[in-house]
Each structure stands twice: as structure tokens, then as C-alpha cells.
Amino acid sequence: MAIGDKYDHLNCFLAGKEKARRAVAIAKETARNPALHKHIELRGKKEKRVLFTEGPHKYKSGEELFAAGQSLFSRSILATGRADRKAS
């Protein structure tokens, strides 16, 4: 929660593809069912609940979020490796 929804894709990669798929399925079901909205934390200054279907990842599948996180992770590792070689 400390990083908000800006790195959900990285969290999906770290959790693994199957858990990312399940998380998206749960988020979609929660968004569809108003009785479940109470389980979504309030965010921001306006203390608002943001549904999966309204957030920045609304049309993405678990596989897409996993792949985006994998790409971010790989780019970060490559950049770190390049920086380490330059410092040596």
C-alpha cells in the first residue's frame, strides 16, 4: 500500500503469473459486486475507493501486468549492471 498502484505490475511479476491472474480475477469480481466494495481501502485526500475497473490497469489481464512487471524488473537489473561496470 505504501507505493500505491503505481507498481502493481511489478508486484504481479514478483508474485508470479498464476497469482497475478488470480489477483486480477478477484479485483474484477470485487469491482462488479458492490457488496464487496467495503473491502477496498480508501485512498487519497478524498478518501475514495478505486475499483480495478476505474484504475490505471482497468483493461489489463494478469498476464499483461506480469509481463509489464517483468520488463520493468529486467530494465532495472540491466541499468544497474551497466552502472556497476562504469563505476569499476
N, C-alpha and C. Protein backbone atom coordinates (compact mmCIF):
# COMPACT_ATOMS: atom_id res chain seq x y z
N MET A 1 0.82 -1.19 0.00
CA MET A 1 0.00 0.00 0.00
C MET A 1 0.86 1.26 0.00
N ALA A 2 2.07 1.15 0.52
CA ALA A 2 2.93 2.33 0.61
C ALA A 2 3.28 2.88 -0.77
N ILE A 3 3.35 2.03 -1.77
CA ILE A 3 3.69 2.50 -3.12
C ILE A 3 2.46 2.74 -3.98
N GLY A 4 1.27 2.52 -3.42
CA GLY A 4 0.04 2.76 -4.15
C GLY A 4 -0.11 1.80 -5.31
N ASP A 5 -0.77 2.26 -6.37
CA ASP A 5 -1.00 1.40 -7.52
C ASP A 5 0.01 1.63 -8.64
N LYS A 6 1.01 2.44 -8.39
CA LYS A 6 1.98 2.77 -9.43
C LYS A 6 2.87 1.60 -9.82
N TYR A 7 3.03 0.63 -8.95
CA TYR A 7 3.89 -0.52 -9.24
C TYR A 7 3.14 -1.84 -9.10
N ASP A 8 1.84 -1.83 -9.37
CA ASP A 8 1.07 -3.08 -9.32
C ASP A 8 1.67 -4.11 -10.27
N HIS A 9 2.14 -3.66 -11.43
CA HIS A 9 2.71 -4.58 -12.41
C HIS A 9 3.98 -5.25 -11.86
N LEU A 10 4.79 -4.52 -11.12
CA LEU A 10 5.98 -5.11 -10.52
C LEU A 10 5.56 -6.12 -9.44
N ASN A 11 4.56 -5.77 -8.65
CA ASN A 11 4.07 -6.71 -7.64
C ASN A 11 3.54 -7.98 -8.29
N CYS A 12 2.87 -7.86 -9.44
CA CYS A 12 2.36 -9.03 -10.15
C CYS A 12 3.52 -9.91 -10.62
N PHE A 13 4.58 -9.31 -11.11
CA PHE A 13 5.74 -10.09 -11.53
C PHE A 13 6.37 -10.80 -10.33
N LEU A 14 6.55 -10.09 -9.24
CA LEU A 14 7.17 -10.69 -8.06
C LEU A 14 6.33 -11.82 -7.47
N ALA A 15 5.00 -11.71 -7.60
CA ALA A 15 4.10 -12.74 -7.08
C ALA A 15 4.06 -13.97 -7.98
N GLY A 16 4.28 -13.77 -9.26
CA GLY A 16 4.21 -14.87 -10.21
C GLY A 16 2.98 -14.77 -11.08
N LYS A 17 3.05 -15.41 -12.25
CA LYS A 17 1.99 -15.29 -13.24
C LYS A 17 0.64 -15.83 -12.74
N GLU A 18 0.64 -16.98 -12.09
CA GLU A 18 -0.62 -17.56 -11.63
C GLU A 18 -1.28 -16.68 -10.55
N LYS A 19 -0.49 -16.18 -9.63
CA LYS A 19 -1.06 -15.30 -8.59
C LYS A 19 -1.53 -13.98 -9.19
N ALA A 20 -0.84 -13.50 -10.22
CA ALA A 20 -1.28 -12.28 -10.91
C ALA A 20 -2.64 -12.51 -11.57
N ARG A 21 -2.80 -13.67 -12.22
CA ARG A 21 -4.10 -14.00 -12.83
C ARG A 21 -5.21 -14.02 -11.79
N ARG A 22 -4.94 -14.67 -10.67
CA ARG A 22 -5.94 -14.77 -9.60
C ARG A 22 -6.26 -13.40 -9.02
N ALA A 23 -5.24 -12.57 -8.83
CA ALA A 23 -5.45 -11.23 -8.27
C ALA A 23 -6.34 -10.39 -9.19
N VAL A 24 -6.11 -10.48 -10.49
CA VAL A 24 -6.94 -9.73 -11.44
C VAL A 24 -8.38 -10.25 -11.40
N ALA A 25 -8.55 -11.56 -11.35
CA ALA A 25 -9.90 -12.14 -11.29
C ALA A 25 -10.63 -11.66 -10.03
N ILE A 26 -9.94 -11.65 -8.91
CA ILE A 26 -10.55 -11.18 -7.65
C ILE A 26 -10.88 -9.69 -7.73
N ALA A 27 -9.97 -8.90 -8.30
CA ALA A 27 -10.19 -7.46 -8.42
C ALA A 27 -11.40 -7.16 -9.31
N LYS A 28 -11.53 -7.93 -10.41
CA LYS A 28 -12.67 -7.72 -11.30
C LYS A 28 -13.98 -8.11 -10.62
N GLU A 29 -13.98 -9.22 -9.92
CA GLU A 29 -15.19 -9.65 -9.22
C GLU A 29 -15.57 -8.65 -8.13
N THR A 30 -14.59 -8.15 -7.42
CA THR A 30 -14.84 -7.15 -6.37
C THR A 30 -15.43 -5.88 -6.98
N ALA A 31 -14.91 -5.47 -8.12
CA ALA A 31 -15.42 -4.27 -8.79
C ALA A 31 -16.86 -4.46 -9.25
N ARG A 32 -17.21 -5.67 -9.69
CA ARG A 32 -18.56 -5.95 -10.18
C ARG A 32 -19.60 -6.05 -9.06
N ASN A 33 -19.16 -6.39 -7.86
CA ASN A 33 -20.09 -6.66 -6.77
C ASN A 33 -20.03 -5.53 -5.72
N PRO A 34 -21.00 -4.63 -5.72
CA PRO A 34 -21.00 -3.51 -4.76
C PRO A 34 -20.92 -3.93 -3.30
N ALA A 35 -21.40 -5.11 -2.98
CA ALA A 35 -21.33 -5.59 -1.59
C ALA A 35 -19.88 -5.82 -1.15
N LEU A 36 -18.98 -5.99 -2.11
CA LEU A 36 -17.57 -6.22 -1.78
C LEU A 36 -16.74 -4.94 -1.75
N HIS A 37 -17.30 -3.84 -2.17
CA HIS A 37 -16.56 -2.57 -2.22
C HIS A 37 -16.03 -2.14 -0.85
N LYS A 38 -16.70 -2.57 0.20
CA LYS A 38 -16.26 -2.20 1.55
C LYS A 38 -14.88 -2.77 1.88
N HIS A 39 -14.42 -3.77 1.11
CA HIS A 39 -13.12 -4.38 1.35
C HIS A 39 -11.98 -3.65 0.63
N ILE A 40 -12.33 -2.64 -0.16
CA ILE A 40 -11.33 -1.85 -0.88
C ILE A 40 -10.94 -0.66 0.00
N GLU A 41 -9.64 -0.49 0.23
CA GLU A 41 -9.21 0.58 1.12
C GLU A 41 -9.49 1.95 0.50
N LEU A 42 -9.70 2.91 1.38
CA LEU A 42 -9.89 4.29 0.96
C LEU A 42 -8.51 4.88 0.66
N ARG A 43 -8.43 5.63 -0.43
CA ARG A 43 -7.14 6.19 -0.83
C ARG A 43 -7.24 7.68 -1.10
N GLY A 44 -6.12 8.33 -0.98
CA GLY A 44 -6.01 9.72 -1.36
C GLY A 44 -6.62 10.69 -0.36
N LYS A 45 -6.49 11.94 -0.69
CA LYS A 45 -7.02 13.00 0.17
C LYS A 45 -8.54 12.97 0.24
N LYS A 46 -9.17 12.48 -0.82
CA LYS A 46 -10.62 12.43 -0.84
C LYS A 46 -11.16 11.15 -0.21
N GLU A 47 -10.26 10.30 0.27
CA GLU A 47 -10.68 9.05 0.91
C GLU A 47 -11.67 8.30 0.01
N LYS A 48 -11.19 7.94 -1.17
CA LYS A 48 -12.03 7.31 -2.18
C LYS A 48 -11.58 5.87 -2.43
N ARG A 49 -12.52 5.00 -2.73
CA ARG A 49 -12.21 3.63 -3.12
C ARG A 49 -12.04 3.62 -4.64
N VAL A 50 -10.93 3.05 -5.09
CA VAL A 50 -10.67 2.97 -6.53
C VAL A 50 -10.85 1.52 -6.95
N LEU A 51 -11.83 1.28 -7.82
CA LEU A 51 -12.09 -0.05 -8.33
C LEU A 51 -11.08 -0.41 -9.42
N PHE A 52 -10.83 -1.68 -9.59
CA PHE A 52 -9.93 -2.16 -10.65
C PHE A 52 -10.39 -1.66 -12.01
N THR A 53 -11.70 -1.61 -12.21
CA THR A 53 -12.27 -1.19 -13.49
C THR A 53 -12.17 0.31 -13.73
N GLU A 54 -11.70 1.07 -12.74
CA GLU A 54 -11.53 2.52 -12.88
C GLU A 54 -10.08 2.93 -12.82
N GLY A 55 -9.23 2.07 -12.29
CA GLY A 55 -7.83 2.41 -12.07
C GLY A 55 -6.98 2.34 -13.32
N PRO A 56 -5.69 2.54 -13.16
CA PRO A 56 -4.78 2.60 -14.30
C PRO A 56 -4.60 1.26 -15.03
N HIS A 57 -5.04 0.16 -14.43
CA HIS A 57 -4.84 -1.16 -15.04
C HIS A 57 -6.15 -1.79 -15.51
N LYS A 58 -7.19 -0.99 -15.69
CA LYS A 58 -8.55 -1.48 -15.85
C LYS A 58 -8.76 -2.50 -16.97
N TYR A 59 -8.05 -2.46 -18.03
CA TYR A 59 -8.28 -3.42 -19.12
C TYR A 59 -7.18 -4.46 -19.22
N LYS A 60 -6.31 -4.51 -18.25
CA LYS A 60 -5.16 -5.42 -18.33
C LYS A 60 -5.45 -6.75 -17.65
N SER A 61 -4.90 -7.79 -18.25
CA SER A 61 -5.02 -9.13 -17.68
C SER A 61 -3.86 -9.37 -16.71
N GLY A 62 -3.94 -10.46 -15.98
CA GLY A 62 -2.85 -10.84 -15.10
C GLY A 62 -1.57 -11.08 -15.87
N GLU A 63 -1.69 -11.67 -17.06
CA GLU A 63 -0.52 -11.92 -17.90
C GLU A 63 0.13 -10.62 -18.35
N GLU A 64 -0.70 -9.63 -18.71
CA GLU A 64 -0.15 -8.34 -19.15
C GLU A 64 0.54 -7.62 -18.00
N LEU A 65 -0.04 -7.65 -16.82
CA LEU A 65 0.59 -7.00 -15.67
C LEU A 65 1.89 -7.71 -15.30
N PHE A 66 1.89 -9.04 -15.36
CA PHE A 66 3.09 -9.82 -15.09
C PHE A 66 4.19 -9.43 -16.08
N ALA A 67 3.85 -9.40 -17.37
CA ALA A 67 4.84 -9.07 -18.40
C ALA A 67 5.39 -7.65 -18.23
N ALA A 68 4.52 -6.71 -17.89
CA ALA A 68 4.98 -5.33 -17.68
C ALA A 68 5.92 -5.26 -16.47
N GLY A 69 5.62 -5.99 -15.41
CA GLY A 69 6.50 -6.02 -14.24
C GLY A 69 7.82 -6.69 -14.55
N GLN A 70 7.76 -7.75 -15.35
CA GLN A 70 8.98 -8.46 -15.75
C GLN A 70 9.88 -7.52 -16.57
N SER A 71 9.28 -6.77 -17.46
CA SER A 71 10.03 -5.82 -18.27
C SER A 71 10.67 -4.73 -17.41
N LEU A 72 9.92 -4.19 -16.48
CA LEU A 72 10.45 -3.16 -15.58
C LEU A 72 11.62 -3.72 -14.76
N PHE A 73 11.44 -4.92 -14.24
CA PHE A 73 12.48 -5.56 -13.43
C PHE A 73 13.73 -5.78 -14.27
N SER A 74 13.56 -6.31 -15.48
CA SER A 74 14.71 -6.59 -16.35
C SER A 74 15.46 -5.32 -16.72
N ARG A 75 14.70 -4.27 -17.05
CA ARG A 75 15.35 -2.99 -17.40
C ARG A 75 16.14 -2.45 -16.21
N SER A 76 15.58 -2.58 -15.02
CA SER A 76 16.24 -2.09 -13.82
C SER A 76 17.53 -2.86 -13.55
N ILE A 77 17.48 -4.18 -13.70
CA ILE A 77 18.67 -5.01 -13.49
C ILE A 77 19.74 -4.67 -14.51
N LEU A 78 19.35 -4.52 -15.78
CA LEU A 78 20.32 -4.18 -16.82
C LEU A 78 20.95 -2.82 -16.56
N ALA A 79 20.14 -1.83 -16.17
CA ALA A 79 20.67 -0.49 -15.88
C ALA A 79 21.63 -0.52 -14.70
N THR A 80 21.31 -1.30 -13.68
CA THR A 80 22.19 -1.43 -12.52
C THR A 80 23.51 -2.07 -12.91
N GLY A 81 23.42 -3.10 -13.75
CA GLY A 81 24.64 -3.77 -14.22
C GLY A 81 25.53 -2.83 -15.02
N ARG A 82 24.93 -2.03 -15.88
CA ARG A 82 25.71 -1.06 -16.67
C ARG A 82 26.37 -0.02 -15.76
N ALA A 83 25.63 0.45 -14.78
CA ALA A 83 26.18 1.45 -13.85
C ALA A 83 27.33 0.86 -13.05
N ASP A 84 27.19 -0.39 -12.64
CA ASP A 84 28.26 -1.04 -11.88
C ASP A 84 29.51 -1.20 -12.74
N ARG A 85 29.35 -1.54 -14.01
CA ARG A 85 30.52 -1.71 -14.90
C ARG A 85 31.21 -0.37 -15.13
N LYS A 86 30.44 0.70 -15.25
CA LYS A 86 31.04 2.03 -15.47
C LYS A 86 31.80 2.49 -14.23
N ALA A 87 31.31 2.13 -13.05
CA ALA A 87 31.95 2.55 -11.80
C ALA A 87 33.24 1.78 -11.55
N SER A 88 33.38 0.63 -12.16
CA SER A 88 34.57 -0.20 -11.92
C SER A 88 35.79 0.28 -12.66
